[in-house]
Amino acid sequence: MLTKGYTQQVLNNFKNYIVKESRANLTRGKKNFNKKLYDSIKGKVDAYDNSISINITMEEYGVYQDKGVKGVKSNYVENRNTPFSYKNSSK
């Protein structure tokens, strides 16, 4: 039978892996400009009697970095399917 401590240890290892790979992806993708996003990536594991949760947090703009952002006249293939884009303003 798995113990709560063992399960929490495995989840902590998984959380550490996710944080490490997320930071490495920023560096590999040359998006680690000022380390603010890099340093903001953190994880937390909570184990309770009947449930377990893993939370990974980062600066909000990390979602845009992760999904990509289309410019007003972007034709970049890698950003084609992103839900984010800049729009021309008529104001």
N, C-alpha and C. Protein backbone atom coordinates (compact mmCIF):
# COMPACT_ATOMS: atom_id res chain seq x y z
N MET A 1 0.84 -1.19 0.00
CA MET A 1 0.00 0.00 0.00
C MET A 1 0.89 1.25 0.00
N LEU A 2 0.52 2.23 -0.80
CA LEU A 2 1.27 3.49 -0.85
C LEU A 2 0.93 4.35 0.36
N THR A 3 1.94 4.97 0.89
CA THR A 3 1.70 5.86 2.02
C THR A 3 1.55 7.29 1.53
N LYS A 4 0.96 8.11 2.36
CA LYS A 4 0.79 9.53 2.03
C LYS A 4 2.15 10.18 1.81
N GLY A 5 3.14 9.82 2.64
CA GLY A 5 4.48 10.41 2.50
C GLY A 5 5.14 10.04 1.19
N TYR A 6 5.01 8.77 0.79
CA TYR A 6 5.60 8.32 -0.47
C TYR A 6 4.93 9.01 -1.65
N THR A 7 3.62 9.08 -1.60
CA THR A 7 2.87 9.73 -2.68
C THR A 7 3.26 11.20 -2.79
N GLN A 8 3.39 11.87 -1.66
CA GLN A 8 3.77 13.28 -1.68
C GLN A 8 5.19 13.44 -2.23
N GLN A 9 6.09 12.51 -1.91
CA GLN A 9 7.45 12.57 -2.43
C GLN A 9 7.47 12.42 -3.95
N VAL A 10 6.70 11.48 -4.47
CA VAL A 10 6.62 11.28 -5.92
C VAL A 10 6.05 12.52 -6.60
N LEU A 11 5.00 13.09 -6.01
CA LEU A 11 4.40 14.29 -6.59
C LEU A 11 5.35 15.49 -6.50
N ASN A 12 6.12 15.58 -5.43
CA ASN A 12 7.12 16.65 -5.33
C ASN A 12 8.17 16.50 -6.42
N ASN A 13 8.59 15.27 -6.68
CA ASN A 13 9.55 15.04 -7.77
C ASN A 13 8.96 15.45 -9.11
N PHE A 14 7.69 15.11 -9.34
CA PHE A 14 7.01 15.48 -10.58
C PHE A 14 6.89 16.99 -10.70
N LYS A 15 6.51 17.65 -9.62
CA LYS A 15 6.40 19.11 -9.60
C LYS A 15 7.74 19.75 -9.92
N ASN A 16 8.81 19.26 -9.31
CA ASN A 16 10.15 19.80 -9.57
C ASN A 16 10.55 19.61 -11.03
N TYR A 17 10.16 18.49 -11.62
CA TYR A 17 10.45 18.23 -13.02
C TYR A 17 9.71 19.23 -13.92
N ILE A 18 8.44 19.46 -13.62
CA ILE A 18 7.64 20.41 -14.42
C ILE A 18 8.23 21.81 -14.34
N VAL A 19 8.60 22.26 -13.16
CA VAL A 19 9.19 23.59 -12.98
C VAL A 19 10.52 23.67 -13.73
N LYS A 20 11.36 22.65 -13.59
CA LYS A 20 12.66 22.63 -14.26
C LYS A 20 12.50 22.68 -15.78
N GLU A 21 11.61 21.86 -16.32
CA GLU A 21 11.41 21.83 -17.77
C GLU A 21 10.78 23.12 -18.29
N SER A 22 9.88 23.71 -17.52
CA SER A 22 9.27 24.98 -17.92
C SER A 22 10.33 26.07 -18.01
N ARG A 23 11.21 26.11 -17.03
CA ARG A 23 12.30 27.09 -17.05
C ARG A 23 13.26 26.82 -18.20
N ALA A 24 13.56 25.55 -18.44
CA ALA A 24 14.46 25.20 -19.54
C ALA A 24 13.84 25.58 -20.88
N ASN A 25 12.54 25.40 -21.03
CA ASN A 25 11.86 25.78 -22.28
C ASN A 25 11.96 27.28 -22.53
N LEU A 26 11.86 28.08 -21.48
CA LEU A 26 12.04 29.53 -21.63
C LEU A 26 13.43 29.85 -22.16
N THR A 27 14.43 29.21 -21.58
CA THR A 27 15.80 29.47 -21.98
C THR A 27 16.06 28.97 -23.40
N ARG A 28 15.61 27.75 -23.70
CA ARG A 28 15.79 27.20 -25.06
C ARG A 28 15.07 28.03 -26.11
N GLY A 29 13.90 28.55 -25.75
CA GLY A 29 13.11 29.35 -26.68
C GLY A 29 13.56 30.80 -26.74
N LYS A 30 14.64 31.14 -26.05
CA LYS A 30 15.19 32.49 -26.01
C LYS A 30 14.14 33.50 -25.56
N LYS A 31 13.33 33.10 -24.55
CA LYS A 31 12.30 33.98 -24.01
C LYS A 31 12.59 34.34 -22.56
N ASN A 32 13.81 34.11 -22.13
CA ASN A 32 14.21 34.35 -20.75
C ASN A 32 14.95 35.68 -20.66
N PHE A 33 14.26 36.77 -21.00
CA PHE A 33 14.90 38.08 -21.14
C PHE A 33 15.41 38.66 -19.82
N ASN A 34 14.55 38.73 -18.83
CA ASN A 34 14.97 39.36 -17.58
C ASN A 34 14.81 38.45 -16.36
N LYS A 35 14.55 37.21 -16.59
CA LYS A 35 14.39 36.18 -15.55
C LYS A 35 13.18 36.38 -14.65
N LYS A 36 12.36 37.39 -14.89
CA LYS A 36 11.18 37.60 -14.06
C LYS A 36 10.20 36.43 -14.20
N LEU A 37 9.92 36.04 -15.43
CA LEU A 37 9.02 34.90 -15.65
C LEU A 37 9.68 33.61 -15.15
N TYR A 38 10.94 33.42 -15.48
CA TYR A 38 11.70 32.23 -15.06
C TYR A 38 11.62 32.06 -13.54
N ASP A 39 11.90 33.13 -12.81
CA ASP A 39 11.89 33.07 -11.35
C ASP A 39 10.49 32.92 -10.77
N SER A 40 9.48 33.29 -11.53
CA SER A 40 8.11 33.23 -11.01
C SER A 40 7.51 31.83 -11.10
N ILE A 41 8.12 30.94 -11.87
CA ILE A 41 7.57 29.60 -12.03
C ILE A 41 7.84 28.81 -10.75
N LYS A 42 6.77 28.44 -10.08
CA LYS A 42 6.87 27.74 -8.81
C LYS A 42 5.81 26.65 -8.75
N GLY A 43 6.04 25.69 -7.91
CA GLY A 43 5.08 24.61 -7.73
C GLY A 43 4.85 24.31 -6.27
N LYS A 44 3.70 23.71 -5.99
CA LYS A 44 3.34 23.36 -4.62
C LYS A 44 2.51 22.08 -4.65
N VAL A 45 2.82 21.17 -3.76
CA VAL A 45 2.06 19.93 -3.62
C VAL A 45 1.39 19.94 -2.27
N ASP A 46 0.11 19.65 -2.25
CA ASP A 46 -0.64 19.52 -1.00
C ASP A 46 -1.28 18.14 -0.97
N ALA A 47 -1.03 17.41 0.11
CA ALA A 47 -1.63 16.09 0.28
C ALA A 47 -2.54 16.13 1.50
N TYR A 48 -3.76 15.71 1.31
CA TYR A 48 -4.74 15.67 2.38
C TYR A 48 -5.14 14.22 2.60
N ASP A 49 -6.04 13.97 3.50
CA ASP A 49 -6.46 12.60 3.77
C ASP A 49 -7.09 11.92 2.55
N ASN A 50 -7.91 12.66 1.80
CA ASN A 50 -8.63 12.05 0.68
C ASN A 50 -8.34 12.68 -0.67
N SER A 51 -7.36 13.55 -0.74
CA SER A 51 -7.07 14.19 -2.02
C SER A 51 -5.64 14.74 -2.05
N ILE A 52 -5.20 14.99 -3.26
CA ILE A 52 -3.86 15.53 -3.48
C ILE A 52 -3.98 16.59 -4.57
N SER A 53 -3.22 17.65 -4.44
CA SER A 53 -3.23 18.66 -5.51
C SER A 53 -1.81 19.13 -5.80
N ILE A 54 -1.58 19.42 -7.08
CA ILE A 54 -0.32 20.01 -7.52
C ILE A 54 -0.69 21.34 -8.17
N ASN A 55 -0.08 22.41 -7.73
CA ASN A 55 -0.31 23.72 -8.32
C ASN A 55 1.00 24.26 -8.87
N ILE A 56 0.98 24.66 -10.13
CA ILE A 56 2.12 25.31 -10.76
C ILE A 56 1.68 26.74 -11.06
N THR A 57 2.45 27.70 -10.60
CA THR A 57 2.09 29.11 -10.82
C THR A 57 3.23 29.83 -11.53
N MET A 58 2.87 30.93 -12.19
CA MET A 58 3.85 31.78 -12.86
C MET A 58 3.19 33.13 -13.13
N GLU A 59 3.99 34.09 -13.53
CA GLU A 59 3.46 35.39 -13.92
C GLU A 59 2.39 35.18 -14.99
N GLU A 60 1.37 36.01 -14.97
CA GLU A 60 0.25 35.85 -15.89
C GLU A 60 0.67 35.86 -17.36
N TYR A 61 1.65 36.68 -17.71
CA TYR A 61 2.04 36.78 -19.11
C TYR A 61 2.74 35.51 -19.60
N GLY A 62 3.04 34.60 -18.70
CA GLY A 62 3.62 33.33 -19.11
C GLY A 62 2.70 32.53 -20.02
N VAL A 63 1.40 32.70 -19.83
CA VAL A 63 0.43 32.01 -20.70
C VAL A 63 0.59 32.49 -22.13
N TYR A 64 0.82 33.79 -22.31
CA TYR A 64 1.00 34.33 -23.66
C TYR A 64 2.29 33.80 -24.27
N GLN A 65 3.34 33.72 -23.47
CA GLN A 65 4.60 33.16 -23.96
C GLN A 65 4.41 31.71 -24.36
N ASP A 66 3.66 30.98 -23.57
CA ASP A 66 3.45 29.56 -23.81
C ASP A 66 2.61 29.31 -25.06
N LYS A 67 1.55 30.08 -25.23
CA LYS A 67 0.64 29.89 -26.37
C LYS A 67 1.08 30.63 -27.61
N GLY A 68 1.94 31.65 -27.46
CA GLY A 68 2.33 32.47 -28.59
C GLY A 68 1.31 33.56 -28.80
N VAL A 69 1.72 34.65 -29.42
CA VAL A 69 0.83 35.77 -29.70
C VAL A 69 1.01 36.16 -31.15
N LYS A 70 -0.10 36.27 -31.87
CA LYS A 70 -0.05 36.72 -33.25
C LYS A 70 0.03 38.24 -33.25
N GLY A 71 0.90 38.78 -34.06
CA GLY A 71 0.94 40.22 -34.24
C GLY A 71 -0.21 40.66 -35.14
N VAL A 72 -0.32 41.95 -35.37
CA VAL A 72 -1.39 42.47 -36.21
C VAL A 72 -1.32 41.87 -37.61
N LYS A 73 -0.13 41.73 -38.15
CA LYS A 73 0.04 41.18 -39.50
C LYS A 73 0.92 39.94 -39.46
N SER A 74 0.75 39.09 -38.47
CA SER A 74 1.62 37.93 -38.29
C SER A 74 1.28 36.83 -39.28
N ASN A 75 2.33 36.25 -39.84
CA ASN A 75 2.17 35.07 -40.69
C ASN A 75 3.02 33.91 -40.18
N TYR A 76 3.46 34.01 -38.92
CA TYR A 76 4.31 32.97 -38.36
C TYR A 76 3.53 31.67 -38.22
N VAL A 77 4.06 30.60 -38.74
CA VAL A 77 3.40 29.30 -38.71
C VAL A 77 3.20 28.84 -37.26
N GLU A 78 4.23 29.03 -36.41
CA GLU A 78 4.13 28.54 -35.04
C GLU A 78 3.07 29.27 -34.21
N ASN A 79 2.63 30.43 -34.63
CA ASN A 79 1.61 31.17 -33.90
C ASN A 79 0.23 31.10 -34.56
N ARG A 80 0.12 30.33 -35.59
CA ARG A 80 -1.12 30.28 -36.37
C ARG A 80 -2.34 29.91 -35.53
N ASN A 81 -2.21 28.98 -34.61
CA ASN A 81 -3.35 28.48 -33.85
C ASN A 81 -3.50 29.09 -32.46
N THR A 82 -2.77 30.14 -32.17
CA THR A 82 -2.86 30.75 -30.86
C THR A 82 -4.19 31.48 -30.68
N PRO A 83 -4.74 31.48 -29.47
CA PRO A 83 -5.97 32.22 -29.23
C PRO A 83 -5.72 33.71 -28.98
N PHE A 84 -4.45 34.12 -28.93
CA PHE A 84 -4.10 35.50 -28.62
C PHE A 84 -3.62 36.24 -29.83
N SER A 85 -4.04 37.50 -29.99
CA SER A 85 -3.54 38.31 -31.10
C SER A 85 -3.68 39.79 -30.76
N TYR A 86 -2.88 40.58 -31.44
CA TYR A 86 -3.00 42.03 -31.34
C TYR A 86 -3.94 42.50 -32.43
N LYS A 87 -4.72 43.51 -32.16
CA LYS A 87 -5.65 44.05 -33.14
C LYS A 87 -5.34 45.52 -33.39
N ASN A 88 -5.56 45.96 -34.60
CA ASN A 88 -5.45 47.38 -34.89
C ASN A 88 -6.57 48.12 -34.19
N SER A 89 -6.25 49.23 -33.61
CA SER A 89 -7.27 50.03 -32.92
C SER A 89 -7.70 51.17 -33.81
N SER A 90 -9.01 51.43 -33.86
CA SER A 90 -9.50 52.53 -34.66
C SER A 90 -9.55 53.82 -33.86
N LYS A 91 -9.14 53.76 -32.59
CA LYS A 91 -9.18 54.95 -31.75
C LYS A 91 -7.88 55.69 -31.76
